[in-house]
Amino acid sequence: MSCVYILYSESKKGFYIGSSREGMSFTRLQSHNSGKVKSTKPYRPWVLFYEEELSDYTRARQRENFLKSGQGRKWIRERWQSGLMRRS
């Protein structure tokens, strides 16, 4: 089962949106927090903020691209402000 996920960094006060073929696992989060992912390394630590499982990787990538769009960021911001999404 593939997934799309959103990580939150307190130091950046921002989000990272990614997708994974195997689903979000502790190992995937650990790779972000250990500095193995170049784009997230400067803003550690990261916490899992949101995860959505999808049937295949193609759908996960499509959802990731939507969440990175202006409309997707608006969707995230609205849920963040309304309390529907909370940090883990």
PDB file of N, CA and C in Angstrom:
ATOM      1  N   MET A   1       0.851  -1.179   0.000  1.00  0.00           N
ATOM      2  CA  MET A   1       0.000   0.000   0.000  1.00  0.00           C
ATOM      3  C   MET A   1       0.896   1.241   0.000  1.00  0.00           C
ATOM      4  N   SER A   2       0.709   2.091  -0.960  1.00  0.00           N
ATOM      5  CA  SER A   2       1.480   3.338  -1.062  1.00  0.00           C
ATOM      6  C   SER A   2       0.802   4.437  -0.259  1.00  0.00           C
ATOM      7  N   CYS A   3       1.525   5.509  -0.017  1.00  0.00           N
ATOM      8  CA  CYS A   3       0.930   6.596   0.756  1.00  0.00           C
ATOM      9  C   CYS A   3       1.526   7.939   0.370  1.00  0.00           C
ATOM     10  N   VAL A   4       0.808   8.964   0.756  1.00  0.00           N
ATOM     11  CA  VAL A   4       1.312  10.331   0.706  1.00  0.00           C
ATOM     12  C   VAL A   4       1.328  10.797   2.157  1.00  0.00           C
ATOM     13  N   TYR A   5       2.330  11.579   2.523  1.00  0.00           N
ATOM     14  CA  TYR A   5       2.442  12.003   3.916  1.00  0.00           C
ATOM     15  C   TYR A   5       2.884  13.451   3.994  1.00  0.00           C
ATOM     16  N   ILE A   6       2.568  14.047   5.128  1.00  0.00           N
ATOM     17  CA  ILE A   6       2.979  15.421   5.397  1.00  0.00           C
ATOM     18  C   ILE A   6       3.742  15.411   6.713  1.00  0.00           C
ATOM     19  N   LEU A   7       4.938  15.957   6.683  1.00  0.00           N
ATOM     20  CA  LEU A   7       5.745  16.113   7.889  1.00  0.00           C
ATOM     21  C   LEU A   7       5.731  17.578   8.282  1.00  0.00           C
ATOM     22  N   TYR A   8       5.881  17.834   9.577  1.00  0.00           N
ATOM     23  CA  TYR A   8       5.919  19.210  10.075  1.00  0.00           C
ATOM     24  C   TYR A   8       7.227  19.436  10.820  1.00  0.00           C
ATOM     25  N   SER A   9       7.831  20.591  10.570  1.00  0.00           N
ATOM     26  CA  SER A   9       9.060  20.985  11.257  1.00  0.00           C
ATOM     27  C   SER A   9       8.793  22.239  12.072  1.00  0.00           C
ATOM     28  N   GLU A  10       9.005  22.144  13.359  1.00  0.00           N
ATOM     29  CA  GLU A  10       8.841  23.306  14.241  1.00  0.00           C
ATOM     30  C   GLU A  10       9.887  24.369  13.918  1.00  0.00           C
ATOM     31  N   SER A  11      11.121  23.943  13.612  1.00  0.00           N
ATOM     32  CA  SER A  11      12.175  24.924  13.317  1.00  0.00           C
ATOM     33  C   SER A  11      11.905  25.678  12.018  1.00  0.00           C
ATOM     34  N   LYS A  12      11.317  25.014  11.051  1.00  0.00           N
ATOM     35  CA  LYS A  12      10.980  25.657   9.777  1.00  0.00           C
ATOM     36  C   LYS A  12       9.611  26.330   9.835  1.00  0.00           C
ATOM     37  N   LYS A  13       8.790  25.875  10.788  1.00  0.00           N
ATOM     38  CA  LYS A  13       7.387  26.302  10.868  1.00  0.00           C
ATOM     39  C   LYS A  13       6.707  26.002   9.530  1.00  0.00           C
ATOM     40  N   GLY A  14       7.026  24.839   9.003  1.00  0.00           N
ATOM     41  CA  GLY A  14       6.491  24.483   7.700  1.00  0.00           C
ATOM     42  C   GLY A  14       6.378  22.990   7.500  1.00  0.00           C
ATOM     43  N   PHE A  15       5.878  22.639   6.333  1.00  0.00           N
ATOM     44  CA  PHE A  15       5.565  21.263   5.998  1.00  0.00           C
ATOM     45  C   PHE A  15       6.475  20.719   4.912  1.00  0.00           C
ATOM     46  N   TYR A  16       6.588  19.406   4.895  1.00  0.00           N
ATOM     47  CA  TYR A  16       7.210  18.675   3.797  1.00  0.00           C
ATOM     48  C   TYR A  16       6.193  17.648   3.334  1.00  0.00           C
ATOM     49  N   ILE A  17       5.935  17.600   2.042  1.00  0.00           N
ATOM     50  CA  ILE A  17       4.964  16.670   1.477  1.00  0.00           C
ATOM     51  C   ILE A  17       5.725  15.647   0.649  1.00  0.00           C
ATOM     52  N   GLY A  18       5.484  14.369   0.910  1.00  0.00           N
ATOM     53  CA  GLY A  18       6.177  13.315   0.178  1.00  0.00           C
ATOM     54  C   GLY A  18       5.285  12.113  -0.042  1.00  0.00           C
ATOM     55  N   SER A  19       5.790  11.164  -0.810  1.00  0.00           N
ATOM     56  CA  SER A  19       5.059   9.926  -1.046  1.00  0.00           C
ATOM     57  C   SER A  19       6.021   8.761  -0.897  1.00  0.00           C
ATOM     58  N   SER A  20       5.452   7.591  -0.683  1.00  0.00           N
ATOM     59  CA  SER A  20       6.264   6.405  -0.470  1.00  0.00           C
ATOM     60  C   SER A  20       5.568   5.197  -1.082  1.00  0.00           C
ATOM     61  N   ARG A  21       6.346   4.315  -1.658  1.00  0.00           N
ATOM     62  CA  ARG A  21       5.787   3.088  -2.243  1.00  0.00           C
ATOM     63  C   ARG A  21       5.315   2.115  -1.172  1.00  0.00           C
ATOM     64  N   GLU A  22       5.962   2.081  -0.036  1.00  0.00           N
ATOM     65  CA  GLU A  22       5.671   1.098   1.005  1.00  0.00           C
ATOM     66  C   GLU A  22       4.778   1.626   2.120  1.00  0.00           C
ATOM     67  N   GLY A  23       4.331   2.833   2.043  1.00  0.00           N
ATOM     68  CA  GLY A  23       3.585   3.415   3.152  1.00  0.00           C
ATOM     69  C   GLY A  23       4.551   4.114   4.093  1.00  0.00           C
ATOM     70  N   MET A  24       4.016   4.938   4.955  1.00  0.00           N
ATOM     71  CA  MET A  24       4.860   5.692   5.888  1.00  0.00           C
ATOM     72  C   MET A  24       5.226   4.781   7.041  1.00  0.00           C
ATOM     73  N   SER A  25       6.489   4.527   7.181  1.00  0.00           N
ATOM     74  CA  SER A  25       6.951   3.672   8.263  1.00  0.00           C
ATOM     75  C   SER A  25       7.866   4.480   9.170  1.00  0.00           C
ATOM     76  N   PHE A  26       8.147   3.917  10.312  1.00  0.00           N
ATOM     77  CA  PHE A  26       9.079   4.555  11.234  1.00  0.00           C
ATOM     78  C   PHE A  26      10.423   4.773  10.544  1.00  0.00           C
ATOM     79  N   THR A  27      10.827   3.807   9.706  1.00  0.00           N
ATOM     80  CA  THR A  27      12.099   3.903   8.998  1.00  0.00           C
ATOM     81  C   THR A  27      12.126   5.101   8.060  1.00  0.00           C
ATOM     82  N   ARG A  28      11.019   5.369   7.377  1.00  0.00           N
ATOM     83  CA  ARG A  28      10.948   6.510   6.448  1.00  0.00           C
ATOM     84  C   ARG A  28      11.067   7.822   7.225  1.00  0.00           C
ATOM     85  N   LEU A  29      10.345   7.939   8.318  1.00  0.00           N
ATOM     86  CA  LEU A  29      10.437   9.138   9.152  1.00  0.00           C
ATOM     87  C   LEU A  29      11.853   9.287   9.705  1.00  0.00           C
ATOM     88  N   GLN A  30      12.429   8.171  10.099  1.00  0.00           N
ATOM     89  CA  GLN A  30      13.788   8.183  10.645  1.00  0.00           C
ATOM     90  C   GLN A  30      14.798   8.677   9.599  1.00  0.00           C
ATOM     91  N   SER A  31      14.579   8.326   8.329  1.00  0.00           N
ATOM     92  CA  SER A  31      15.505   8.786   7.287  1.00  0.00           C
ATOM     93  C   SER A  31      15.438  10.303   7.118  1.00  0.00           C
ATOM     94  N   HIS A  32      14.258  10.879   7.302  1.00  0.00           N
ATOM     95  CA  HIS A  32      14.135  12.338   7.253  1.00  0.00           C
ATOM     96  C   HIS A  32      14.836  12.966   8.462  1.00  0.00           C
ATOM     97  N   ASN A  33      14.673  12.370   9.622  1.00  0.00           N
ATOM     98  CA  ASN A  33      15.243  12.938  10.848  1.00  0.00           C
ATOM     99  C   ASN A  33      16.739  12.671  11.020  1.00  0.00           C
ATOM    100  N   SER A  34      17.270  11.704  10.300  1.00  0.00           N
ATOM    101  CA  SER A  34      18.704  11.406  10.432  1.00  0.00           C
ATOM    102  C   SER A  34      19.555  12.185   9.435  1.00  0.00           C
ATOM    103  N   GLY A  35      18.907  12.952   8.558  1.00  0.00           N
ATOM    104  CA  GLY A  35      19.654  13.763   7.609  1.00  0.00           C
ATOM    105  C   GLY A  35      19.938  13.083   6.287  1.00  0.00           C
ATOM    106  N   LYS A  36      19.316  11.936   6.036  1.00  0.00           N
ATOM    107  CA  LYS A  36      19.547  11.216   4.781  1.00  0.00           C
ATOM    108  C   LYS A  36      18.798  11.828   3.596  1.00  0.00           C
ATOM    109  N   VAL A  37      17.804  12.659   3.881  1.00  0.00           N
ATOM    110  CA  VAL A  37      17.041  13.316   2.815  1.00  0.00           C
ATOM    111  C   VAL A  37      17.517  14.764   2.740  1.00  0.00           C
ATOM    112  N   LYS A  38      18.155  15.105   1.626  1.00  0.00           N
ATOM    113  CA  LYS A  38      18.809  16.406   1.476  1.00  0.00           C
ATOM    114  C   LYS A  38      17.858  17.583   1.719  1.00  0.00           C
ATOM    115  N   SER A  39      16.641  17.503   1.184  1.00  0.00           N
ATOM    116  CA  SER A  39      15.716  18.642   1.278  1.00  0.00           C
ATOM    117  C   SER A  39      15.153  18.854   2.681  1.00  0.00           C
ATOM    118  N   THR A  40      15.191  17.836   3.531  1.00  0.00           N
ATOM    119  CA  THR A  40      14.644  17.997   4.886  1.00  0.00           C
ATOM    120  C   THR A  40      15.735  18.100   5.956  1.00  0.00           C
ATOM    121  N   LYS A  41      16.961  17.823   5.583  1.00  0.00           N
ATOM    122  CA  LYS A  41      18.070  17.795   6.543  1.00  0.00           C
ATOM    123  C   LYS A  41      18.208  19.067   7.387  1.00  0.00           C
ATOM    124  N   PRO A  42      18.137  20.277   6.807  1.00  0.00           N
ATOM    125  CA  PRO A  42      18.364  21.485   7.613  1.00  0.00           C
ATOM    126  C   PRO A  42      17.254  21.805   8.618  1.00  0.00           C
ATOM    127  N   TYR A  43      16.119  21.161   8.496  1.00  0.00           N
ATOM    128  CA  TYR A  43      14.956  21.556   9.304  1.00  0.00           C
ATOM    129  C   TYR A  43      14.534  20.493  10.314  1.00  0.00           C
ATOM    130  N   ARG A  44      15.431  19.594  10.644  1.00  0.00           N
ATOM    131  CA  ARG A  44      15.113  18.540  11.610  1.00  0.00           C
ATOM    132  C   ARG A  44      14.862  19.126  12.988  1.00  0.00           C
ATOM    133  N   PRO A  45      14.075  18.500  13.827  1.00  0.00           N
ATOM    134  CA  PRO A  45      13.375  17.232  13.637  1.00  0.00           C
ATOM    135  C   PRO A  45      12.020  17.416  12.946  1.00  0.00           C
ATOM    136  N   TRP A  46      11.549  16.337  12.359  1.00  0.00           N
ATOM    137  CA  TRP A  46      10.253  16.296  11.686  1.00  0.00           C
ATOM    138  C   TRP A  46       9.311  15.384  12.460  1.00  0.00           C
ATOM    139  N   VAL A  47       8.035  15.724  12.458  1.00  0.00           N
ATOM    140  CA  VAL A  47       7.015  14.851  13.052  1.00  0.00           C
ATOM    141  C   VAL A  47       5.980  14.547  11.975  1.00  0.00           C
ATOM    142  N   LEU A  48       5.424  13.352  12.047  1.00  0.00           N
ATOM    143  CA  LEU A  48       4.382  12.972  11.103  1.00  0.00           C
ATOM    144  C   LEU A  48       3.130  13.765  11.427  1.00  0.00           C
ATOM    145  N   PHE A  49       2.642  14.480  10.450  1.00  0.00           N
ATOM    146  CA  PHE A  49       1.498  15.366  10.618  1.00  0.00           C
ATOM    147  C   PHE A  49       0.238  14.772  10.002  1.00  0.00           C
ATOM    148  N   TYR A  50       0.399  14.090   8.871  1.00  0.00           N
ATOM    149  CA  TYR A  50      -0.747  13.537   8.151  1.00  0.00           C
ATOM    150  C   TYR A  50      -0.266  12.405   7.256  1.00  0.00           C
ATOM    151  N   GLU A  51      -1.085  11.366   7.135  1.00  0.00           N
ATOM    152  CA  GLU A  51      -0.776  10.248   6.256  1.00  0.00           C
ATOM    153  C   GLU A  51      -2.053   9.776   5.587  1.00  0.00           C
ATOM    154  N   GLU A  52      -1.951   9.488   4.314  1.00  0.00           N
ATOM    155  CA  GLU A  52      -3.103   9.009   3.550  1.00  0.00           C
ATOM    156  C   GLU A  52      -2.648   7.820   2.705  1.00  0.00           C
ATOM    157  N   GLU A  53      -3.261   6.657   2.922  1.00  0.00           N
ATOM    158  CA  GLU A  53      -2.911   5.470   2.148  1.00  0.00           C
ATOM    159  C   GLU A  53      -3.698   5.449   0.846  1.00  0.00           C
ATOM    160  N   LEU A  54      -3.017   5.050  -0.218  1.00  0.00           N
ATOM    161  CA  LEU A  54      -3.640   4.950  -1.536  1.00  0.00           C
ATOM    162  C   LEU A  54      -3.333   3.582  -2.135  1.00  0.00           C
ATOM    163  N   SER A  55      -4.137   3.182  -3.108  1.00  0.00           N
ATOM    164  CA  SER A  55      -4.046   1.824  -3.642  1.00  0.00           C
ATOM    165  C   SER A  55      -2.749   1.532  -4.397  1.00  0.00           C
ATOM    166  N   ASP A  56      -2.160   2.538  -5.027  1.00  0.00           N
ATOM    167  CA  ASP A  56      -0.907   2.308  -5.749  1.00  0.00           C
ATOM    168  C   ASP A  56      -0.069   3.587  -5.768  1.00  0.00           C
ATOM    169  N   TYR A  57       1.179   3.421  -6.200  1.00  0.00           N
ATOM    170  CA  TYR A  57       2.131   4.533  -6.152  1.00  0.00           C
ATOM    171  C   TYR A  57       1.758   5.658  -7.112  1.00  0.00           C
ATOM    172  N   THR A  58       1.163   5.323  -8.248  1.00  0.00           N
ATOM    173  CA  THR A  58       0.741   6.357  -9.201  1.00  0.00           C
ATOM    174  C   THR A  58      -0.270   7.292  -8.553  1.00  0.00           C
ATOM    175  N   ARG A  59      -1.227   6.730  -7.845  1.00  0.00           N
ATOM    176  CA  ARG A  59      -2.230   7.555  -7.150  1.00  0.00           C
ATOM    177  C   ARG A  59      -1.587   8.370  -6.024  1.00  0.00           C
ATOM    178  N   ALA A  60      -0.623   7.781  -5.344  1.00  0.00           N
ATOM    179  CA  ALA A  60       0.076   8.506  -4.274  1.00  0.00           C
ATOM    180  C   ALA A  60       0.820   9.713  -4.847  1.00  0.00           C
ATOM    181  N   ARG A  61       1.477   9.542  -5.987  1.00  0.00           N
ATOM    182  CA  ARG A  61       2.199  10.658  -6.620  1.00  0.00           C
ATOM    183  C   ARG A  61       1.233  11.741  -7.095  1.00  0.00           C
ATOM    184  N   GLN A  62       0.076  11.330  -7.621  1.00  0.00           N
ATOM    185  CA  GLN A  62      -0.931  12.302  -8.050  1.00  0.00           C
ATOM    186  C   GLN A  62      -1.423  13.110  -6.860  1.00  0.00           C
ATOM    187  N   ARG A  63      -1.669  12.435  -5.748  1.00  0.00           N
ATOM    188  CA  ARG A  63      -2.139  13.120  -4.538  1.00  0.00           C
ATOM    189  C   ARG A  63      -1.046  14.040  -4.000  1.00  0.00           C
ATOM    190  N   GLU A  64       0.202  13.588  -4.028  1.00  0.00           N
ATOM    191  CA  GLU A  64       1.327  14.423  -3.595  1.00  0.00           C
ATOM    192  C   GLU A  64       1.394  15.700  -4.433  1.00  0.00           C
ATOM    193  N   ASN A  65       1.268  15.553  -5.747  1.00  0.00           N
ATOM    194  CA  ASN A  65       1.306  16.725  -6.626  1.00  0.00           C
ATOM    195  C   ASN A  65       0.153  17.675  -6.338  1.00  0.00           C
ATOM    196  N   PHE A  66      -1.037  17.131  -6.048  1.00  0.00           N
ATOM    197  CA  PHE A  66      -2.163  17.993  -5.686  1.00  0.00           C
ATOM    198  C   PHE A  66      -1.856  18.753  -4.398  1.00  0.00           C
ATOM    199  N   LEU A  67      -1.371  18.046  -3.375  1.00  0.00           N
ATOM    200  CA  LEU A  67      -1.103  18.695  -2.089  1.00  0.00           C
ATOM    201  C   LEU A  67      -0.022  19.768  -2.201  1.00  0.00           C
ATOM    202  N   LYS A  68       0.871  19.641  -3.167  1.00  0.00           N
ATOM    203  CA  LYS A  68       1.914  20.643  -3.380  1.00  0.00           C
ATOM    204  C   LYS A  68       1.427  21.827  -4.211  1.00  0.00           C
ATOM    205  N   SER A  69       0.244  21.706  -4.800  1.00  0.00           N
ATOM    206  CA  SER A  69      -0.313  22.802  -5.604  1.00  0.00           C
ATOM    207  C   SER A  69      -0.915  23.866  -4.690  1.00  0.00           C
ATOM    208  N   GLY A  70      -1.251  24.995  -5.248  1.00  0.00           N
ATOM    209  CA  GLY A  70      -1.885  26.059  -4.465  1.00  0.00           C
ATOM    210  C   GLY A  70      -3.184  25.601  -3.827  1.00  0.00           C
ATOM    211  N   GLN A  71      -3.984  24.883  -4.584  1.00  0.00           N
ATOM    212  CA  GLN A  71      -5.255  24.379  -4.066  1.00  0.00           C
ATOM    213  C   GLN A  71      -5.020  23.355  -2.946  1.00  0.00           C
ATOM    214  N   GLY A  72      -4.004  22.517  -3.118  1.00  0.00           N
ATOM    215  CA  GLY A  72      -3.680  21.524  -2.098  1.00  0.00           C
ATOM    216  C   GLY A  72      -3.167  22.165  -0.821  1.00  0.00           C
ATOM    217  N   ARG A  73      -2.320  23.165  -0.953  1.00  0.00           N
ATOM    218  CA  ARG A  73      -1.808  23.872   0.235  1.00  0.00           C
ATOM    219  C   ARG A  73      -2.939  24.584   0.969  1.00  0.00           C
ATOM    220  N   LYS A  74      -3.895  25.091   0.204  1.00  0.00           N
ATOM    221  CA  LYS A  74      -5.073  25.708   0.816  1.00  0.00           C
ATOM    222  C   LYS A  74      -5.858  24.655   1.592  1.00  0.00           C
ATOM    223  N   TRP A  75      -6.010  23.462   1.032  1.00  0.00           N
ATOM    224  CA  TRP A  75      -6.704  22.346   1.684  1.00  0.00           C
ATOM    225  C   TRP A  75      -6.019  22.006   3.008  1.00  0.00           C
ATOM    226  N   ILE A  76      -4.692  21.935   2.995  1.00  0.00           N
ATOM    227  CA  ILE A  76      -3.924  21.637   4.211  1.00  0.00           C
ATOM    228  C   ILE A  76      -4.110  22.751   5.237  1.00  0.00           C
ATOM    229  N   ARG A  77      -3.943  23.996   4.802  1.00  0.00           N
ATOM    230  CA  ARG A  77      -4.051  25.145   5.711  1.00  0.00           C
ATOM    231  C   ARG A  77      -5.428  25.210   6.371  1.00  0.00           C
ATOM    232  N   GLU A  78      -6.494  24.976   5.613  1.00  0.00           N
ATOM    233  CA  GLU A  78      -7.850  25.012   6.172  1.00  0.00           C
ATOM    234  C   GLU A  78      -8.034  23.946   7.244  1.00  0.00           C
ATOM    235  N   ARG A  79      -7.520  22.760   7.004  1.00  0.00           N
ATOM    236  CA  ARG A  79      -7.648  21.683   7.989  1.00  0.00           C
ATOM    237  C   ARG A  79      -6.777  21.932   9.213  1.00  0.00           C
ATOM    238  N   TRP A  80      -5.602  22.508   8.994  1.00  0.00           N
ATOM    239  CA  TRP A  80      -4.707  22.866  10.101  1.00  0.00           C
ATOM    240  C   TRP A  80      -5.391  23.884  11.007  1.00  0.00           C
ATOM    241  N   GLN A  81      -5.959  24.931  10.412  1.00  0.00           N
ATOM    242  CA  GLN A  81      -6.578  26.009  11.182  1.00  0.00           C
ATOM    243  C   GLN A  81      -7.868  25.568  11.867  1.00  0.00           C
ATOM    244  N   SER A  82      -8.594  24.636  11.258  1.00  0.00           N
ATOM    245  CA  SER A  82      -9.856  24.182  11.851  1.00  0.00           C
ATOM    246  C   SER A  82      -9.642  23.097  12.903  1.00  0.00           C
ATOM    247  N   GLY A  83      -8.414  22.604  13.026  1.00  0.00           N
ATOM    248  CA  GLY A  83      -8.117  21.572  14.006  1.00  0.00           C
ATOM    249  C   GLY A  83      -8.380  20.161  13.513  1.00  0.00           C
ATOM    250  N   LEU A  84      -8.722  19.997  12.230  1.00  0.00           N
ATOM    251  CA  LEU A  84      -8.959  18.663  11.684  1.00  0.00           C
ATOM    252  C   LEU A  84      -7.661  17.890  11.493  1.00  0.00           C
ATOM    253  N   MET A  85      -6.552  18.612  11.391  1.00  0.00           N
ATOM    254  CA  MET A  85      -5.235  17.985  11.300  1.00  0.00           C
ATOM    255  C   MET A  85      -4.424  18.464  12.487  1.00  0.00           C
ATOM    256  N   ARG A  86      -3.777  17.527  13.131  1.00  0.00           N
ATOM    257  CA  ARG A  86      -2.935  17.885  14.276  1.00  0.00           C
ATOM    258  C   ARG A  86      -1.620  17.147  14.173  1.00  0.00           C
ATOM    259  N   ARG A  87      -0.607  17.735  14.746  1.00  0.00           N
ATOM    260  CA  ARG A  87       0.695  17.075  14.774  1.00  0.00           C
ATOM    261  C   ARG A  87       0.624  15.840  15.642  1.00  0.00           C
ATOM    262  N   SER A  88       1.384  14.811  15.255  1.00  0.00           N
ATOM    263  CA  SER A  88       1.446  13.564  16.030  1.00  0.00           C
ATOM    264  C   SER A  88       2.227  13.780  17.305  1.00  0.00           C
TER     265      SER A  88
END
